[in-house]
Structure formats: structure tokens, C-alpha cells
Amino acid sequence: MKVSSKNRLMPIHADLFNGDSLFHRIARTVCRAGVLPRKELYEAWETARRVRRRFRGGRVVDMACGHGLLAHIMLLLDRSSVEAVAVDTALPPSAGKLAGVMAEAWPRLRDQVRYVSGDLEEVPLSESDIVVSAHACGSLTDTVITRAVSVRARVAVLPCCHDLKTCRDGGLSGWMAGDLAVDAYRAMGLTGHGYDIHTAVIPSDVTPKNRLLMGWPSDQQD
């Protein structure tokens, strides 16, 4: 099974996930919705479980959320987070269908996940939040980081679409590939704002854009 496939998971694919693990339960639920590309399931899962190893509790704010699966999984992996906000400038019409099947499988999620359609710059944030984003395109990743830093919130991003016309590379692209230079400069920027960072990767067979950057204020426990 090609986990990077952009084909939608449909009800007929549920038999591919016949185990009792949380991931398989989530996967079968996503299949029932019939709206999500396979790669987005794996991206959200691999991102969320790595973030939860570092960050516990807090309200989850999933920026450039798409269907909002990352927000749901973050809550499933840590019950001490009691709320998630999934925000995007243009929510997919089928996001509600995914939310519906997730709430059928885990009824507590019905009142815990809230979708917001609007500008990422306008979403209120607080220091106790965990701001996450999986594949916010280009400079949107920088917007997510800037918003989190502005309130000293924890942040985790899985960047993609590194456009060197809109994303700063800090002059590092003379030494390394442009996309890596952009992400290295983002990491340097977080440390310059008094953040500790952790870098990781999700499996490359899920996506080649697999660099995960996490940061938290240096005066907080990681």
C-alpha cells in the first residue's frame, strides 16, 4: 500500500486497517468519511504522535487545517487537552463530514473540536496553546510561527512548498538546498526569539516534505 497516495480513502479500504490500535481505528473512521487522501491520514498521524511526545496539555490550534484531522488526533493522543480549534481561510466543504464520523467514533470530540473559517492572523491565541500546522504552503508556515511566537506559545510545523521568492533563507542557500535553507532559517529564528527547538522527520515514504520543527519558550518545560 502506497502511503503517499493522493487517492481518497473510501469505505472499501477499511479492511486494510483491521487492527485494534488507535491508528487503525482512526484510519477506519477516515475511510467511512470517504473525503481524505491517504497521505493526509499518515501525515496527520505521524506529525501528531511526534508532537505529543514533546507537548502535553493545552488548547490545540491547528492552522491551515484543511479537513482538521490533525486537531482531532492531537486530542485523541492526550485527553488532558480538552479543546481544539481547526482554522483555515477556506475550509473544505467535506470537513464537516470528517468531523461527523470522528465524533461518531469518539463522541467527546463533538464538543471539543471547533472549526473556524478565517484569516490566520485573526485567530486569538494564548501562551498555553499548542499551535500546529501540517503542510501550510510556503510563507503560511512563517505566519504560523510568527503568530505562536507573538504569544510565547508552543509551536510545531511540518513545512511544504518552499517558495524562495516568499520564504527567507537567511543567506544559507549557498551552502544547502533552498528548501532546507528556509527551514534551517526558521529554526534559527525560533532560537533567536528565546525558544528551545527540536527537529525531527516523519517517514519519507509518506511525504518528501517531512521535516518537523518544534519549538517552545526556553523558560518552559519541554
N, C-alpha and C. Protein backbone atom coordinates (compact mmCIF):
# COMPACT_ATOMS: atom_id res chain seq x y z
N MET A 1 0.84 -1.19 0.00
CA MET A 1 0.00 0.00 0.00
C MET A 1 0.88 1.25 0.00
N LYS A 2 0.67 2.13 -0.96
CA LYS A 2 1.46 3.35 -1.05
C LYS A 2 0.87 4.41 -0.13
N VAL A 3 1.59 4.71 0.96
CA VAL A 3 1.04 5.60 1.96
C VAL A 3 1.05 7.06 1.51
N SER A 4 1.79 7.37 0.45
CA SER A 4 1.83 8.74 -0.04
C SER A 4 0.78 9.02 -1.11
N SER A 5 -0.10 8.07 -1.34
CA SER A 5 -1.10 8.23 -2.39
C SER A 5 -2.03 9.40 -2.10
N LYS A 6 -2.36 10.15 -3.15
CA LYS A 6 -3.31 11.25 -3.02
C LYS A 6 -4.74 10.80 -3.29
N ASN A 7 -4.93 9.51 -3.54
CA ASN A 7 -6.28 8.99 -3.73
C ASN A 7 -7.03 8.99 -2.39
N ARG A 8 -8.30 9.23 -2.47
CA ARG A 8 -9.10 9.27 -1.24
C ARG A 8 -9.28 7.88 -0.64
N LEU A 9 -9.24 7.84 0.67
CA LEU A 9 -9.60 6.63 1.38
C LEU A 9 -11.13 6.53 1.39
N MET A 10 -11.63 5.39 0.99
CA MET A 10 -13.07 5.17 0.87
C MET A 10 -13.49 4.02 1.79
N PRO A 11 -14.79 3.84 2.00
CA PRO A 11 -15.25 2.74 2.87
C PRO A 11 -14.69 1.37 2.47
N ILE A 12 -14.47 1.15 1.18
CA ILE A 12 -13.96 -0.16 0.76
C ILE A 12 -12.52 -0.40 1.22
N HIS A 13 -11.83 0.65 1.64
CA HIS A 13 -10.44 0.49 2.09
C HIS A 13 -10.33 0.17 3.58
N ALA A 14 -11.44 0.16 4.29
CA ALA A 14 -11.39 -0.03 5.75
C ALA A 14 -10.74 -1.36 6.13
N ASP A 15 -10.90 -2.38 5.27
CA ASP A 15 -10.33 -3.69 5.58
C ASP A 15 -8.81 -3.68 5.59
N LEU A 16 -8.20 -2.62 5.03
CA LEU A 16 -6.74 -2.51 5.08
C LEU A 16 -6.25 -2.19 6.48
N PHE A 17 -7.16 -1.74 7.34
CA PHE A 17 -6.80 -1.32 8.69
C PHE A 17 -7.64 -2.13 9.68
N ASN A 18 -7.28 -3.38 9.86
CA ASN A 18 -8.13 -4.29 10.64
C ASN A 18 -7.60 -4.56 12.04
N GLY A 19 -6.64 -3.76 12.50
CA GLY A 19 -6.09 -3.95 13.83
C GLY A 19 -6.88 -3.21 14.90
N ASP A 20 -6.43 -3.37 16.15
CA ASP A 20 -7.10 -2.73 17.28
C ASP A 20 -6.38 -1.47 17.76
N SER A 21 -5.30 -1.10 17.09
CA SER A 21 -4.55 0.08 17.53
C SER A 21 -5.35 1.34 17.29
N LEU A 22 -4.97 2.42 17.97
CA LEU A 22 -5.64 3.69 17.78
C LEU A 22 -5.52 4.14 16.32
N PHE A 23 -4.34 3.97 15.74
CA PHE A 23 -4.18 4.39 14.35
C PHE A 23 -5.16 3.66 13.44
N HIS A 24 -5.29 2.36 13.60
CA HIS A 24 -6.20 1.60 12.74
C HIS A 24 -7.64 2.02 12.98
N ARG A 25 -8.00 2.34 14.20
CA ARG A 25 -9.37 2.81 14.47
C ARG A 25 -9.60 4.15 13.79
N ILE A 26 -8.62 5.04 13.88
CA ILE A 26 -8.74 6.33 13.19
C ILE A 26 -8.83 6.12 11.69
N ALA A 27 -7.99 5.26 11.15
CA ALA A 27 -7.97 5.01 9.71
C ALA A 27 -9.31 4.49 9.21
N ARG A 28 -9.89 3.54 9.95
CA ARG A 28 -11.19 3.02 9.53
C ARG A 28 -12.25 4.11 9.55
N THR A 29 -12.17 4.99 10.53
CA THR A 29 -13.12 6.10 10.61
C THR A 29 -12.95 7.06 9.44
N VAL A 30 -11.70 7.35 9.10
CA VAL A 30 -11.42 8.21 7.95
C VAL A 30 -11.95 7.56 6.67
N CYS A 31 -11.82 6.26 6.55
CA CYS A 31 -12.35 5.56 5.38
C CYS A 31 -13.87 5.74 5.28
N ARG A 32 -14.55 5.70 6.40
CA ARG A 32 -16.01 5.87 6.38
C ARG A 32 -16.40 7.23 5.84
N ALA A 33 -15.59 8.24 6.12
CA ALA A 33 -15.89 9.59 5.64
C ALA A 33 -15.74 9.67 4.13
N GLY A 34 -14.74 9.00 3.57
CA GLY A 34 -14.55 8.99 2.12
C GLY A 34 -14.16 10.33 1.53
N VAL A 35 -13.44 11.16 2.29
CA VAL A 35 -13.13 12.50 1.80
C VAL A 35 -11.64 12.83 1.84
N LEU A 36 -10.84 12.00 2.48
CA LEU A 36 -9.46 12.39 2.77
C LEU A 36 -8.45 11.58 1.96
N PRO A 37 -7.49 12.24 1.32
CA PRO A 37 -6.41 11.50 0.65
C PRO A 37 -5.62 10.66 1.66
N ARG A 38 -5.16 9.51 1.20
CA ARG A 38 -4.44 8.60 2.08
C ARG A 38 -3.25 9.28 2.75
N LYS A 39 -2.49 10.07 1.97
CA LYS A 39 -1.29 10.67 2.51
C LYS A 39 -1.60 11.62 3.66
N GLU A 40 -2.76 12.26 3.65
CA GLU A 40 -3.10 13.19 4.73
C GLU A 40 -3.37 12.46 6.03
N LEU A 41 -3.90 11.26 5.95
CA LEU A 41 -4.06 10.45 7.16
C LEU A 41 -2.70 10.19 7.79
N TYR A 42 -1.76 9.74 6.99
CA TYR A 42 -0.43 9.39 7.53
C TYR A 42 0.33 10.64 7.97
N GLU A 43 0.20 11.72 7.23
CA GLU A 43 0.88 12.96 7.63
C GLU A 43 0.38 13.43 9.00
N ALA A 44 -0.93 13.43 9.17
CA ALA A 44 -1.50 13.89 10.44
C ALA A 44 -1.09 12.98 11.59
N TRP A 45 -1.15 11.67 11.38
CA TRP A 45 -0.80 10.72 12.44
C TRP A 45 0.67 10.83 12.83
N GLU A 46 1.54 10.81 11.83
CA GLU A 46 2.98 10.84 12.12
C GLU A 46 3.39 12.16 12.75
N THR A 47 2.75 13.24 12.35
CA THR A 47 3.03 14.54 12.96
C THR A 47 2.53 14.58 14.39
N ALA A 48 1.28 14.21 14.60
CA ALA A 48 0.67 14.32 15.93
C ALA A 48 1.40 13.49 16.97
N ARG A 49 1.77 12.28 16.64
CA ARG A 49 2.38 11.45 17.67
C ARG A 49 3.77 11.95 18.06
N ARG A 50 4.49 12.56 17.12
CA ARG A 50 5.79 13.14 17.47
C ARG A 50 5.63 14.40 18.29
N VAL A 51 4.63 15.20 17.94
CA VAL A 51 4.39 16.43 18.71
C VAL A 51 3.97 16.08 20.14
N ARG A 52 3.14 15.07 20.29
CA ARG A 52 2.65 14.72 21.62
C ARG A 52 3.75 14.12 22.51
N ARG A 53 4.82 13.64 21.93
CA ARG A 53 5.94 13.19 22.75
C ARG A 53 6.59 14.37 23.47
N ARG A 54 6.46 15.54 22.90
CA ARG A 54 7.08 16.76 23.46
C ARG A 54 6.08 17.63 24.20
N PHE A 55 4.89 17.77 23.66
CA PHE A 55 3.93 18.76 24.16
C PHE A 55 2.68 18.06 24.67
N ARG A 56 2.37 18.29 25.93
CA ARG A 56 1.16 17.74 26.54
C ARG A 56 0.25 18.88 26.96
N GLY A 57 -1.04 18.56 27.08
CA GLY A 57 -2.00 19.55 27.55
C GLY A 57 -2.18 20.69 26.57
N GLY A 58 -2.82 21.74 27.03
CA GLY A 58 -3.01 22.94 26.24
C GLY A 58 -4.13 22.83 25.23
N ARG A 59 -4.66 23.98 24.82
CA ARG A 59 -5.59 24.01 23.70
C ARG A 59 -4.80 23.82 22.41
N VAL A 60 -5.31 23.00 21.52
CA VAL A 60 -4.66 22.77 20.23
C VAL A 60 -5.25 23.74 19.21
N VAL A 61 -4.38 24.45 18.50
CA VAL A 61 -4.82 25.32 17.41
C VAL A 61 -4.16 24.82 16.13
N ASP A 62 -4.97 24.21 15.28
CA ASP A 62 -4.50 23.61 14.03
C ASP A 62 -4.70 24.65 12.92
N MET A 63 -3.60 25.27 12.49
CA MET A 63 -3.68 26.34 11.50
C MET A 63 -3.44 25.80 10.09
N ALA A 64 -4.15 26.42 9.11
CA ALA A 64 -4.16 25.89 7.75
C ALA A 64 -4.55 24.42 7.81
N CYS A 65 -5.66 24.16 8.48
CA CYS A 65 -6.01 22.82 8.96
C CYS A 65 -6.54 21.88 7.88
N GLY A 66 -7.00 22.41 6.74
CA GLY A 66 -7.64 21.53 5.78
C GLY A 66 -8.87 20.89 6.39
N HIS A 67 -8.91 19.58 6.41
CA HIS A 67 -10.05 18.85 6.99
C HIS A 67 -10.01 18.80 8.52
N GLY A 68 -8.89 19.19 9.12
CA GLY A 68 -8.83 19.23 10.58
C GLY A 68 -8.51 17.92 11.26
N LEU A 69 -8.00 16.95 10.52
CA LEU A 69 -7.72 15.65 11.14
C LEU A 69 -6.62 15.77 12.19
N LEU A 70 -5.62 16.60 11.94
CA LEU A 70 -4.54 16.76 12.91
C LEU A 70 -5.08 17.21 14.26
N ALA A 71 -6.01 18.15 14.26
CA ALA A 71 -6.60 18.62 15.51
C ALA A 71 -7.28 17.47 16.26
N HIS A 72 -8.03 16.65 15.53
CA HIS A 72 -8.71 15.53 16.16
C HIS A 72 -7.72 14.54 16.77
N ILE A 73 -6.68 14.20 16.02
CA ILE A 73 -5.73 13.21 16.51
C ILE A 73 -4.97 13.75 17.72
N MET A 74 -4.64 15.02 17.72
CA MET A 74 -3.96 15.61 18.87
C MET A 74 -4.79 15.44 20.15
N LEU A 75 -6.10 15.58 20.04
CA LEU A 75 -6.96 15.38 21.22
C LEU A 75 -7.04 13.91 21.61
N LEU A 76 -7.07 13.04 20.63
CA LEU A 76 -7.15 11.61 20.95
C LEU A 76 -5.89 11.10 21.63
N LEU A 77 -4.75 11.70 21.31
CA LEU A 77 -3.49 11.25 21.89
C LEU A 77 -3.24 11.81 23.28
N ASP A 78 -4.00 12.82 23.69
CA ASP A 78 -3.80 13.40 25.02
C ASP A 78 -5.12 13.98 25.51
N ARG A 79 -5.77 13.24 26.40
CA ARG A 79 -7.07 13.66 26.91
C ARG A 79 -6.99 14.91 27.78
N SER A 80 -5.78 15.29 28.23
CA SER A 80 -5.68 16.50 29.05
C SER A 80 -5.88 17.77 28.23
N SER A 81 -5.80 17.68 26.91
CA SER A 81 -6.21 18.78 26.04
C SER A 81 -7.70 18.63 25.80
N VAL A 82 -8.47 19.62 26.22
CA VAL A 82 -9.92 19.47 26.16
C VAL A 82 -10.55 20.26 25.03
N GLU A 83 -9.73 20.96 24.23
CA GLU A 83 -10.30 21.75 23.15
C GLU A 83 -9.31 21.87 22.01
N ALA A 84 -9.84 21.91 20.80
CA ALA A 84 -9.02 22.18 19.62
C ALA A 84 -9.78 23.12 18.70
N VAL A 85 -9.06 24.03 18.09
CA VAL A 85 -9.61 24.92 17.08
C VAL A 85 -8.92 24.60 15.77
N ALA A 86 -9.70 24.29 14.75
CA ALA A 86 -9.17 23.99 13.42
C ALA A 86 -9.53 25.16 12.51
N VAL A 87 -8.51 25.88 12.06
CA VAL A 87 -8.77 27.13 11.33
C VAL A 87 -8.11 27.10 9.96
N ASP A 88 -8.83 27.61 8.98
CA ASP A 88 -8.30 27.73 7.63
C ASP A 88 -9.03 28.88 6.94
N THR A 89 -8.36 29.47 5.98
CA THR A 89 -9.00 30.58 5.25
C THR A 89 -10.17 30.08 4.41
N ALA A 90 -10.11 28.85 3.96
CA ALA A 90 -11.20 28.27 3.18
C ALA A 90 -11.32 26.80 3.54
N LEU A 91 -12.19 26.48 4.46
CA LEU A 91 -12.37 25.10 4.88
C LEU A 91 -12.98 24.28 3.75
N PRO A 92 -12.50 23.05 3.54
CA PRO A 92 -13.12 22.19 2.53
C PRO A 92 -14.58 21.91 2.89
N PRO A 93 -15.47 21.90 1.92
CA PRO A 93 -16.88 21.60 2.23
C PRO A 93 -17.06 20.26 2.93
N SER A 94 -16.14 19.32 2.69
CA SER A 94 -16.25 17.98 3.27
C SER A 94 -15.64 17.88 4.66
N ALA A 95 -15.11 18.98 5.20
CA ALA A 95 -14.53 18.93 6.55
C ALA A 95 -15.57 18.52 7.57
N GLY A 96 -16.79 18.98 7.38
CA GLY A 96 -17.86 18.62 8.32
C GLY A 96 -18.17 17.14 8.32
N LYS A 97 -18.01 16.50 7.16
CA LYS A 97 -18.27 15.05 7.09
C LYS A 97 -17.21 14.29 7.88
N LEU A 98 -15.95 14.72 7.75
CA LEU A 98 -14.90 14.07 8.54
C LEU A 98 -15.15 14.27 10.03
N ALA A 99 -15.48 15.50 10.42
CA ALA A 99 -15.75 15.78 11.83
C ALA A 99 -16.90 14.93 12.34
N GLY A 100 -17.90 14.71 11.49
CA GLY A 100 -19.06 13.92 11.90
C GLY A 100 -18.72 12.49 12.21
N VAL A 101 -17.93 11.85 11.33
CA VAL A 101 -17.59 10.45 11.58
C VAL A 101 -16.63 10.31 12.74
N MET A 102 -15.75 11.29 12.94
CA MET A 102 -14.85 11.24 14.09
C MET A 102 -15.65 11.34 15.38
N ALA A 103 -16.66 12.19 15.39
CA ALA A 103 -17.50 12.35 16.59
C ALA A 103 -18.37 11.13 16.83
N GLU A 104 -18.75 10.43 15.77
CA GLU A 104 -19.50 9.18 15.96
C GLU A 104 -18.62 8.14 16.64
N ALA A 105 -17.36 8.10 16.27
CA ALA A 105 -16.44 7.12 16.85
C ALA A 105 -15.99 7.52 18.25
N TRP A 106 -15.80 8.81 18.47
CA TRP A 106 -15.36 9.35 19.77
C TRP A 106 -16.27 10.52 20.11
N PRO A 107 -17.40 10.25 20.76
CA PRO A 107 -18.42 11.30 20.98
C PRO A 107 -17.90 12.55 21.68
N ARG A 108 -16.87 12.44 22.52
CA ARG A 108 -16.38 13.62 23.22
C ARG A 108 -15.84 14.67 22.26
N LEU A 109 -15.41 14.24 21.07
CA LEU A 109 -14.83 15.18 20.11
C LEU A 109 -15.86 16.15 19.56
N ARG A 110 -17.13 15.78 19.63
CA ARG A 110 -18.18 16.63 19.06
C ARG A 110 -18.16 18.02 19.67
N ASP A 111 -17.91 18.09 20.97
CA ASP A 111 -17.91 19.38 21.67
C ASP A 111 -16.51 19.93 21.89
N GLN A 112 -15.50 19.19 21.46
CA GLN A 112 -14.13 19.60 21.73
C GLN A 112 -13.43 20.23 20.53
N VAL A 113 -13.89 19.93 19.33
CA VAL A 113 -13.25 20.46 18.12
C VAL A 113 -14.16 21.50 17.49
N ARG A 114 -13.59 22.68 17.27
CA ARG A 114 -14.34 23.79 16.67
C ARG A 114 -13.63 24.24 15.40
N TYR A 115 -14.38 24.36 14.33
CA TYR A 115 -13.84 24.83 13.06
C TYR A 115 -14.06 26.33 12.92
N VAL A 116 -13.05 27.00 12.38
CA VAL A 116 -13.14 28.44 12.14
C VAL A 116 -12.65 28.71 10.72
N SER A 117 -13.47 29.39 9.93
CA SER A 117 -13.07 29.82 8.60
C SER A 117 -12.70 31.29 8.68
N GLY A 118 -11.42 31.58 8.46
CA GLY A 118 -10.99 32.97 8.58
C GLY A 118 -9.49 33.13 8.43
N ASP A 119 -9.05 34.35 8.57
CA ASP A 119 -7.65 34.72 8.43
C ASP A 119 -6.85 34.17 9.60
N LEU A 120 -5.71 33.53 9.31
CA LEU A 120 -4.87 33.00 10.37
C LEU A 120 -4.36 34.10 11.29
N GLU A 121 -4.27 35.31 10.78
CA GLU A 121 -3.79 36.44 11.58
C GLU A 121 -4.79 36.87 12.64
N GLU A 122 -6.04 36.47 12.47
CA GLU A 122 -7.10 36.97 13.34
C GLU A 122 -7.49 36.02 14.46
N VAL A 123 -6.99 34.81 14.44
CA VAL A 123 -7.39 33.82 15.45
C VAL A 123 -6.73 34.15 16.78
N PRO A 124 -7.51 34.37 17.84
CA PRO A 124 -6.90 34.66 19.14
C PRO A 124 -6.09 33.47 19.65
N LEU A 125 -4.91 33.75 20.16
CA LEU A 125 -4.03 32.72 20.72
C LEU A 125 -3.65 33.10 22.13
N SER A 126 -3.20 32.09 22.90
CA SER A 126 -2.70 32.35 24.24
C SER A 126 -1.43 31.56 24.49
N GLU A 127 -0.73 31.90 25.53
CA GLU A 127 0.55 31.28 25.85
C GLU A 127 0.43 29.79 26.10
N SER A 128 -0.71 29.33 26.56
CA SER A 128 -0.87 27.92 26.90
C SER A 128 -1.24 27.05 25.70
N ASP A 129 -1.44 27.65 24.54
CA ASP A 129 -1.83 26.90 23.35
C ASP A 129 -0.67 26.07 22.79
N ILE A 130 -1.05 25.05 22.03
CA ILE A 130 -0.11 24.35 21.15
C ILE A 130 -0.55 24.67 19.73
N VAL A 131 0.27 25.40 19.01
CA VAL A 131 -0.05 25.79 17.64
C VAL A 131 0.61 24.79 16.71
N VAL A 132 -0.18 24.12 15.88
CA VAL A 132 0.34 23.10 14.98
C VAL A 132 -0.09 23.40 13.56
N SER A 133 0.71 22.92 12.62
CA SER A 133 0.34 23.06 11.21
C SER A 133 1.08 22.03 10.39
N ALA A 134 0.34 21.27 9.60
CA ALA A 134 0.93 20.27 8.71
C ALA A 134 0.76 20.74 7.28
N HIS A 135 1.87 21.08 6.66
CA HIS A 135 1.92 21.48 5.26
C HIS A 135 1.13 22.75 4.97
N ALA A 136 1.36 23.78 5.80
CA ALA A 136 0.91 25.12 5.44
C ALA A 136 1.84 25.61 4.33
N CYS A 137 1.28 25.93 3.18
CA CYS A 137 2.08 26.17 1.99
C CYS A 137 2.93 27.43 2.09
N GLY A 138 4.19 27.30 1.69
CA GLY A 138 5.07 28.44 1.56
C GLY A 138 5.16 29.29 2.80
N SER A 139 4.93 30.59 2.63
CA SER A 139 5.09 31.55 3.72
C SER A 139 4.00 31.43 4.78
N LEU A 140 2.96 30.64 4.52
CA LEU A 140 1.95 30.42 5.57
C LEU A 140 2.58 29.78 6.80
N THR A 141 3.58 28.92 6.59
CA THR A 141 4.29 28.34 7.73
C THR A 141 4.93 29.43 8.57
N ASP A 142 5.48 30.45 7.92
CA ASP A 142 6.09 31.56 8.66
C ASP A 142 5.04 32.34 9.44
N THR A 143 3.85 32.48 8.86
CA THR A 143 2.75 33.13 9.58
C THR A 143 2.40 32.36 10.83
N VAL A 144 2.33 31.04 10.72
CA VAL A 144 2.01 30.20 11.88
C VAL A 144 3.05 30.39 12.98
N ILE A 145 4.32 30.34 12.60
CA ILE A 145 5.39 30.51 13.59
C ILE A 145 5.33 31.88 14.23
N THR A 146 5.14 32.92 13.42
CA THR A 146 5.09 34.29 13.94
C THR A 146 3.94 34.46 14.91
N ARG A 147 2.78 33.90 14.59
CA ARG A 147 1.63 34.01 15.49
C ARG A 147 1.91 33.32 16.82
N ALA A 148 2.51 32.14 16.77
CA ALA A 148 2.81 31.42 18.01
C ALA A 148 3.82 32.18 18.86
N VAL A 149 4.88 32.67 18.22
CA VAL A 149 5.92 33.39 18.95
C VAL A 149 5.37 34.67 19.58
N SER A 150 4.40 35.28 18.94
CA SER A 150 3.86 36.56 19.45
C SER A 150 3.22 36.42 20.82
N VAL A 151 2.76 35.20 21.16
CA VAL A 151 2.14 34.99 22.47
C VAL A 151 2.95 34.00 23.31
N ARG A 152 4.13 33.60 22.83
CA ARG A 152 5.00 32.65 23.52
C ARG A 152 4.34 31.29 23.67
N ALA A 153 3.64 30.85 22.63
CA ALA A 153 3.00 29.54 22.64
C ALA A 153 3.95 28.49 22.06
N ARG A 154 3.70 27.25 22.41
CA ARG A 154 4.43 26.15 21.79
C ARG A 154 3.98 26.01 20.34
N VAL A 155 4.89 25.56 19.48
CA VAL A 155 4.57 25.51 18.06
C VAL A 155 5.22 24.30 17.42
N ALA A 156 4.54 23.72 16.45
CA ALA A 156 5.08 22.60 15.67
C ALA A 156 4.60 22.74 14.24
N VAL A 157 5.53 22.73 13.30
CA VAL A 157 5.17 22.89 11.89
C VAL A 157 5.84 21.82 11.04
N LEU A 158 5.13 21.37 10.03
CA LEU A 158 5.65 20.47 9.01
C LEU A 158 5.56 21.25 7.69
N PRO A 159 6.62 21.99 7.33
CA PRO A 159 6.52 22.91 6.19
C PRO A 159 6.45 22.20 4.84
N CYS A 160 5.95 22.93 3.84
CA CYS A 160 5.99 22.45 2.46
C CYS A 160 6.01 23.65 1.52
N CYS A 161 6.14 23.36 0.23
CA CYS A 161 6.07 24.39 -0.82
C CYS A 161 6.99 25.57 -0.51
N HIS A 162 8.27 25.28 -0.41
CA HIS A 162 9.26 26.30 -0.05
C HIS A 162 9.54 27.21 -1.25
N ASP A 163 8.83 28.30 -1.32
CA ASP A 163 8.98 29.26 -2.41
C ASP A 163 10.05 30.28 -2.02
N LEU A 164 11.20 30.24 -2.68
CA LEU A 164 12.30 31.12 -2.30
C LEU A 164 12.02 32.59 -2.62
N LYS A 165 10.93 32.85 -3.34
CA LYS A 165 10.54 34.23 -3.61
C LYS A 165 9.80 34.84 -2.42
N THR A 166 9.17 33.99 -1.61
CA THR A 166 8.38 34.49 -0.48
C THR A 166 8.89 34.00 0.87
N CYS A 167 9.75 32.99 0.87
CA CYS A 167 10.27 32.44 2.13
C CYS A 167 11.74 32.81 2.27
N ARG A 168 12.12 33.36 3.40
CA ARG A 168 13.50 33.79 3.61
C ARG A 168 14.39 32.59 3.91
N ASP A 169 15.60 32.61 3.31
CA ASP A 169 16.54 31.52 3.55
C ASP A 169 17.73 31.95 4.39
N GLY A 170 17.76 33.22 4.84
CA GLY A 170 18.83 33.69 5.71
C GLY A 170 20.20 33.67 5.06
N GLY A 171 20.26 33.61 3.73
CA GLY A 171 21.54 33.53 3.05
C GLY A 171 22.18 32.16 3.08
N LEU A 172 21.45 31.15 3.56
CA LEU A 172 22.03 29.82 3.72
C LEU A 172 21.97 28.96 2.47
N SER A 173 21.25 29.42 1.44
CA SER A 173 21.07 28.57 0.27
C SER A 173 22.35 28.41 -0.55
N GLY A 174 23.39 29.19 -0.23
CA GLY A 174 24.69 28.96 -0.87
C GLY A 174 25.38 27.72 -0.36
N TRP A 175 24.95 27.23 0.79
CA TRP A 175 25.56 26.05 1.41
C TRP A 175 24.70 24.80 1.30
N MET A 176 23.40 24.99 1.13
CA MET A 176 22.49 23.85 1.17
C MET A 176 21.33 24.09 0.23
N ALA A 177 20.56 23.05 -0.01
CA ALA A 177 19.39 23.18 -0.87
C ALA A 177 18.45 24.26 -0.33
N GLY A 178 17.80 24.96 -1.24
CA GLY A 178 16.97 26.09 -0.84
C GLY A 178 15.90 25.76 0.17
N ASP A 179 15.20 24.63 0.00
CA ASP A 179 14.14 24.30 0.95
C ASP A 179 14.71 24.02 2.34
N LEU A 180 15.85 23.35 2.39
CA LEU A 180 16.49 23.11 3.69
C LEU A 180 16.97 24.42 4.31
N ALA A 181 17.48 25.33 3.48
CA ALA A 181 17.93 26.62 3.99
C ALA A 181 16.78 27.38 4.63
N VAL A 182 15.61 27.35 4.00
CA VAL A 182 14.44 28.03 4.55
C VAL A 182 14.08 27.46 5.92
N ASP A 183 14.06 26.15 6.04
CA ASP A 183 13.68 25.53 7.31
C ASP A 183 14.75 25.74 8.38
N ALA A 184 16.02 25.72 7.97
CA ALA A 184 17.09 26.00 8.92
C ALA A 184 16.98 27.43 9.45
N TYR A 185 16.66 28.36 8.57
CA TYR A 185 16.49 29.76 8.98
C TYR A 185 15.30 29.91 9.93
N ARG A 186 14.24 29.14 9.68
CA ARG A 186 13.09 29.15 10.60
C ARG A 186 13.51 28.66 11.99
N ALA A 187 14.30 27.59 12.02
CA ALA A 187 14.77 27.07 13.30
C ALA A 187 15.64 28.10 14.01
N MET A 188 16.53 28.75 13.27
CA MET A 188 17.38 29.79 13.85
C MET A 188 16.52 30.95 14.39
N GLY A 189 15.46 31.27 13.64
CA GLY A 189 14.58 32.35 14.08
C GLY A 189 13.92 32.05 15.41
N LEU A 190 13.50 30.80 15.60
CA LEU A 190 12.89 30.42 16.87
C LEU A 190 13.89 30.56 18.02
N THR A 191 15.11 30.10 17.81
CA THR A 191 16.10 30.22 18.89
C THR A 191 16.40 31.69 19.17
N GLY A 192 16.36 32.52 18.13
CA GLY A 192 16.59 33.94 18.32
C GLY A 192 15.50 34.63 19.12
N HIS A 193 14.31 34.02 19.16
CA HIS A 193 13.20 34.55 19.95
C HIS A 193 13.14 33.90 21.33
N GLY A 194 14.21 33.25 21.74
CA GLY A 194 14.25 32.66 23.08
C GLY A 194 13.53 31.33 23.18
N TYR A 195 13.50 30.59 22.09
CA TYR A 195 12.86 29.28 22.07
C TYR A 195 13.92 28.18 22.06
N ASP A 196 13.62 27.07 22.72
CA ASP A 196 14.33 25.83 22.50
C ASP A 196 13.64 25.11 21.34
N ILE A 197 14.39 24.34 20.59
CA ILE A 197 13.79 23.66 19.45
C ILE A 197 14.12 22.18 19.47
N HIS A 198 13.29 21.43 18.76
CA HIS A 198 13.55 20.02 18.49
C HIS A 198 13.21 19.78 17.03
N THR A 199 14.13 19.15 16.30
CA THR A 199 13.89 18.84 14.90
C THR A 199 13.74 17.34 14.74
N ALA A 200 12.83 16.96 13.85
CA ALA A 200 12.58 15.54 13.61
C ALA A 200 12.11 15.40 12.16
N VAL A 201 11.92 14.18 11.74
CA VAL A 201 11.35 13.92 10.42
C VAL A 201 10.27 12.86 10.57
N ILE A 202 9.23 12.98 9.75
CA ILE A 202 8.28 11.89 9.62
C ILE A 202 8.76 11.01 8.46
N PRO A 203 8.27 9.80 8.31
CA PRO A 203 8.80 8.90 7.28
C PRO A 203 8.73 9.52 5.88
N SER A 204 9.80 9.37 5.14
CA SER A 204 9.87 9.98 3.81
C SER A 204 8.96 9.28 2.81
N ASP A 205 8.52 8.05 3.11
CA ASP A 205 7.59 7.40 2.19
C ASP A 205 6.18 7.97 2.31
N VAL A 206 5.93 8.77 3.36
CA VAL A 206 4.67 9.48 3.49
C VAL A 206 4.71 10.75 2.65
N THR A 207 5.81 11.50 2.78
CA THR A 207 5.99 12.74 2.02
C THR A 207 7.47 13.10 2.02
N PRO A 208 7.98 13.63 0.90
CA PRO A 208 9.35 14.11 0.90
C PRO A 208 9.51 15.42 1.68
N LYS A 209 8.40 16.13 1.89
CA LYS A 209 8.40 17.35 2.71
C LYS A 209 8.15 16.92 4.15
N ASN A 210 9.17 16.34 4.76
CA ASN A 210 8.95 15.59 6.01
C ASN A 210 9.68 16.17 7.22
N ARG A 211 10.20 17.40 7.11
CA ARG A 211 10.92 17.99 8.25
C ARG A 211 9.93 18.61 9.24
N LEU A 212 10.01 18.16 10.48
CA LEU A 212 9.14 18.64 11.54
C LEU A 212 9.95 19.51 12.50
N LEU A 213 9.49 20.73 12.69
CA LEU A 213 10.16 21.68 13.57
C LEU A 213 9.25 22.00 14.74
N MET A 214 9.75 21.78 15.95
CA MET A 214 9.01 22.08 17.17
C MET A 214 9.77 23.10 18.01
N GLY A 215 9.07 24.00 18.64
CA GLY A 215 9.72 25.00 19.48
C GLY A 215 8.86 25.35 20.68
N TRP A 216 9.52 25.70 21.77
CA TRP A 216 8.84 26.11 22.99
C TRP A 216 9.72 27.14 23.70
N PRO A 217 9.12 28.09 24.40
CA PRO A 217 9.92 29.11 25.11
C PRO A 217 10.91 28.46 26.06
N SER A 218 12.12 28.97 26.08
CA SER A 218 13.20 28.36 26.85
C SER A 218 12.91 28.30 28.34
N ASP A 219 12.04 29.18 28.82
CA ASP A 219 11.72 29.17 30.25
C ASP A 219 10.58 28.22 30.60
N GLN A 220 10.07 27.46 29.59
CA GLN A 220 9.06 26.45 29.85
C GLN A 220 9.71 25.08 29.83
N GLN A 221 9.05 24.15 30.49
CA GLN A 221 9.49 22.75 30.44
C GLN A 221 9.09 22.19 29.08
N ASP A 222 9.98 21.36 28.47
CA ASP A 222 9.61 20.72 27.21
C ASP A 222 8.90 19.41 27.47
